[in-house]
């Protein structure tokens, strides 16, 4: 397969929702990406197992939500027996050396990034694009990760060539995308479903 620019969106997808799809399509447009891969995690180390749907069910549900040939739902982490982002990224780069990857994450995750295992290695492995989340903008841009890597931030507008070519840059390199404000979350959807279920029971 020829080399492509691929955005990586990792997470539990418990459940996948339209917000995941919208930020994926926005990333394709804003960062000039060829594809987005949804890396469905068997189990997020920072999230409890309680309330986590079966992995196979999450994969099937994610494929129904994706509804776009440029969004691929992947079980890569399950196949390699990994759930740590740094190791997953390293394995992807070895497995697909022809591709250029960009890690996609919400502003809330940028705040939490220093809690991730080998988080500095993540910054060193691939460029990163940060999506805006209401209530997290200030915390994200003034948090430990943003401050430590402030010289590596690519600041620009949607039309800026350097930001659109993020996948080709040598990491550490990251950019904040204020155009992509996503309010929906998997937690909100689960809570809504629980409420509906309790109401109907």
Protein backbone atom coordinates (compact mmCIF):
# COMPACT_ATOMS: atom_id res chain seq x y z
CA UNK A 1 0.00 0.00 0.00
CA UNK A 2 1.29 3.45 -0.89
CA UNK A 3 2.19 5.80 1.91
CA UNK A 4 -0.72 7.75 3.36
CA UNK A 5 -1.32 10.43 5.95
CA UNK A 6 -3.41 8.80 8.64
CA UNK A 7 -5.08 10.22 11.73
CA UNK A 8 -5.24 7.91 14.73
CA UNK A 9 -8.17 8.23 17.13
CA UNK A 10 -7.75 5.91 20.08
CA UNK A 11 -10.10 5.10 22.92
CA UNK A 12 -12.61 2.71 24.39
CA UNK A 13 -15.42 3.82 22.05
CA UNK A 14 -17.84 2.82 24.80
CA UNK A 15 -19.87 3.64 22.83
CA UNK A 16 -18.75 5.19 19.57
CA UNK A 17 -20.90 8.22 18.75
CA UNK A 18 -21.41 10.90 16.14
CA UNK A 19 -18.89 13.17 17.87
CA UNK A 20 -16.15 10.68 16.98
CA UNK A 21 -17.31 10.74 13.37
CA UNK A 22 -17.48 14.53 13.20
CA UNK A 23 -14.00 15.12 14.57
CA UNK A 24 -12.66 12.44 12.22
CA UNK A 25 -14.15 14.16 9.18
CA UNK A 26 -12.91 17.52 10.48
CA UNK A 27 -9.40 16.11 10.88
CA UNK A 28 -9.42 14.83 7.30
CA UNK A 29 -10.39 18.30 6.10
CA UNK A 30 -8.23 20.46 8.38
CA UNK A 31 -5.08 18.32 8.33
CA UNK A 32 -5.32 17.05 4.76
CA UNK A 33 -5.40 13.41 5.88
CA UNK A 34 -6.13 10.42 3.68
CA UNK A 35 -7.76 8.27 6.35
CA UNK A 36 -8.69 8.08 10.02
CA UNK A 37 -8.16 4.86 11.98
CA UNK A 38 -10.27 4.34 15.08
CA UNK A 39 -8.09 2.28 17.43
CA UNK A 40 -10.61 0.58 19.67
CA UNK A 41 -8.87 -0.30 22.93
CA UNK A 42 -9.58 -3.66 24.58
CA UNK A 43 -9.40 -1.79 27.92
CA UNK A 44 -8.30 1.76 28.67
CA UNK A 45 -5.85 1.55 31.62
CA UNK A 46 -7.22 4.80 33.04
CA UNK A 47 -10.86 3.71 32.94
CA UNK A 48 -12.70 1.16 35.12
CA UNK A 49 -13.70 -2.20 33.66
CA UNK A 50 -17.14 -1.86 35.20
CA UNK A 51 -19.62 -0.66 32.60
CA UNK A 52 -17.29 -1.51 29.70
CA UNK A 53 -19.11 -3.24 26.85
CA UNK A 54 -17.60 -6.33 25.23
CA UNK A 55 -14.79 -5.51 22.84
CA UNK A 56 -16.43 -7.18 19.84
CA UNK A 57 -19.66 -5.28 20.45
CA UNK A 58 -17.79 -1.96 20.58
CA UNK A 59 -16.06 -2.78 17.28
CA UNK A 60 -19.37 -3.58 15.56
CA UNK A 61 -21.06 -0.46 16.95
CA UNK A 62 -18.12 1.75 15.88
CA UNK A 63 -18.35 0.47 12.30
CA UNK A 64 -22.04 1.36 12.20
CA UNK A 65 -21.27 4.90 13.39
CA UNK A 66 -18.27 5.49 11.10
CA UNK A 67 -20.29 5.35 7.85
CA UNK A 68 -17.43 6.61 5.70
CA UNK A 69 -14.89 4.70 3.58
CA UNK A 70 -12.11 6.96 4.86
CA UNK A 71 -12.77 6.03 8.50
CA UNK A 72 -11.42 2.59 9.37
CA UNK A 73 -12.30 0.82 12.64
CA UNK A 74 -9.27 -1.15 13.82
CA UNK A 75 -8.68 -3.94 16.33
CA UNK A 76 -4.91 -3.40 16.08
CA UNK A 77 -4.39 -3.12 19.85
CA UNK A 78 -6.26 -6.37 20.48
CA UNK A 79 -4.25 -8.14 17.78
CA UNK A 80 -0.92 -7.09 19.28
CA UNK A 81 -2.10 -7.50 22.88
CA UNK A 82 -1.43 -3.88 23.81
CA UNK A 83 -3.36 -1.08 25.52
CA UNK A 84 -0.63 1.49 26.14
CA UNK A 85 -0.60 4.30 23.60
CA UNK A 86 3.18 4.69 23.43
CA UNK A 87 3.67 1.02 22.63
CA UNK A 88 0.78 0.99 20.17
CA UNK A 89 2.24 3.94 18.27
CA UNK A 90 5.68 2.34 18.18
CA UNK A 91 4.16 -0.88 16.84
CA UNK A 92 2.17 0.98 14.19
CA UNK A 93 5.26 2.76 12.93
CA UNK A 94 7.11 -0.55 12.63
CA UNK A 95 4.16 -2.36 11.03
CA UNK A 96 3.32 0.43 8.57
CA UNK A 97 6.59 2.30 7.90
CA UNK A 98 5.20 3.70 4.62
CA UNK A 99 2.51 5.74 6.41
CA UNK A 100 2.73 9.04 8.29
CA UNK A 101 0.59 9.18 11.41
CA UNK A 102 -1.03 11.95 13.44
CA UNK A 103 -2.42 11.21 16.89
CA UNK A 104 -5.81 12.83 17.48
CA UNK A 105 -7.00 13.69 20.97
CA UNK A 106 -9.40 15.97 22.81
CA UNK A 107 -8.30 18.93 24.93
CA UNK A 108 -9.42 17.00 28.02
CA UNK A 109 -6.91 14.27 27.20
CA UNK A 110 -4.12 16.80 26.73
CA UNK A 111 -4.74 17.85 30.34
CA UNK A 112 -4.46 14.22 31.46
CA UNK A 113 -1.57 13.30 29.15
CA UNK A 114 1.19 13.54 31.83
CA UNK A 115 -0.63 10.70 33.66
CA UNK A 116 -0.23 8.39 30.67
CA UNK A 117 2.58 5.87 30.67
CA UNK A 118 5.60 7.14 28.70
CA UNK A 119 3.71 10.26 27.71
CA UNK A 120 6.86 12.07 26.60
CA UNK A 121 7.61 9.16 24.26
CA UNK A 122 4.16 9.65 22.73
CA UNK A 123 5.08 13.27 21.96
CA UNK A 124 8.32 12.05 20.40
CA UNK A 125 6.73 9.36 18.22
CA UNK A 126 4.11 11.20 16.16
CA UNK A 127 2.69 14.70 15.62
CA UNK A 128 -0.47 15.39 17.64
CA UNK A 129 -3.64 17.33 16.85
CA UNK A 130 -5.75 18.55 19.78
CA UNK A 131 -9.51 19.02 19.41
CA UNK A 132 -11.28 21.67 21.42
CA UNK A 133 -13.60 20.57 24.24
CA UNK A 134 -15.84 23.02 26.12
CA UNK A 135 -14.41 23.80 29.53
CA UNK A 136 -10.94 22.45 28.77
CA UNK A 137 -9.41 25.02 26.43
CA UNK A 138 -7.59 27.05 29.09
CA UNK A 139 -6.54 23.99 31.11
CA UNK A 140 -5.21 22.24 28.02
CA UNK A 141 -3.19 25.16 26.67
CA UNK A 142 -1.77 25.97 30.10
CA UNK A 143 -1.24 22.43 31.35
CA UNK A 144 1.99 20.55 31.97
CA UNK A 145 2.20 18.99 28.49
CA UNK A 146 1.44 22.22 26.62
CA UNK A 147 3.96 24.20 28.66
CA UNK A 148 6.71 21.60 28.33
CA UNK A 149 6.24 21.43 24.54
CA UNK A 150 5.23 25.04 23.88
CA UNK A 151 8.09 25.50 21.39
CA UNK A 152 6.79 22.52 19.39
CA UNK A 153 3.29 23.92 18.93
CA UNK A 154 2.19 24.75 15.39
CA UNK A 155 -0.01 27.83 15.59
CA UNK A 156 -2.09 28.78 12.58
CA UNK A 157 -5.44 28.87 10.84
CA UNK A 158 -7.17 26.14 8.85
CA UNK A 159 -5.59 27.37 5.61
CA UNK A 160 -2.03 27.45 6.94
CA UNK A 161 0.17 25.05 4.98
CA UNK A 162 2.30 23.97 7.92
CA UNK A 163 -0.68 22.98 10.02
CA UNK A 164 -2.30 21.15 7.12
CA UNK A 165 0.95 19.27 6.62
CA UNK A 166 1.24 18.24 10.29
CA UNK A 167 1.62 14.56 9.42
CA UNK A 168 4.87 15.28 7.59
CA UNK A 169 6.49 17.18 10.46
CA UNK A 170 9.15 15.66 12.69
CA UNK A 171 7.85 15.19 16.25
CA UNK A 172 7.51 16.65 18.74
CA UNK A 173 4.97 18.76 16.88
CA UNK A 174 1.41 19.53 17.91
CA UNK A 175 -1.42 21.87 17.07
CA UNK A 176 -4.65 22.97 18.70
CA UNK A 177 -7.76 23.00 16.49
CA UNK A 178 -10.25 25.52 17.92
CA UNK A 179 -12.58 24.95 14.95
CA UNK A 180 -13.50 21.49 16.25
CA UNK A 181 -15.60 21.94 19.38
CA UNK A 182 -17.16 18.63 20.40
CA UNK A 183 -19.67 18.67 23.25
CA UNK A 184 -20.83 15.05 23.13
CA UNK A 185 -19.02 12.32 25.08
CA UNK A 186 -19.36 8.56 25.49
CA UNK A 187 -19.93 9.06 29.22
CA UNK A 188 -22.89 11.36 28.57
CA UNK A 189 -24.40 8.81 26.20
CA UNK A 190 -23.98 5.98 28.72
CA UNK A 191 -25.53 8.10 31.48
CA UNK A 192 -28.45 8.97 29.20
CA UNK A 193 -28.99 5.32 28.35
CA UNK A 194 -28.86 4.36 32.03
CA UNK A 195 -31.41 7.05 32.85
CA UNK A 196 -33.69 5.92 30.03
CA UNK A 197 -33.34 2.33 31.15
CA UNK A 198 -34.18 3.20 34.76
CA UNK A 199 -37.14 5.26 33.61
CA UNK A 200 -38.54 2.45 31.51
CA UNK A 201 -37.97 -0.32 34.07
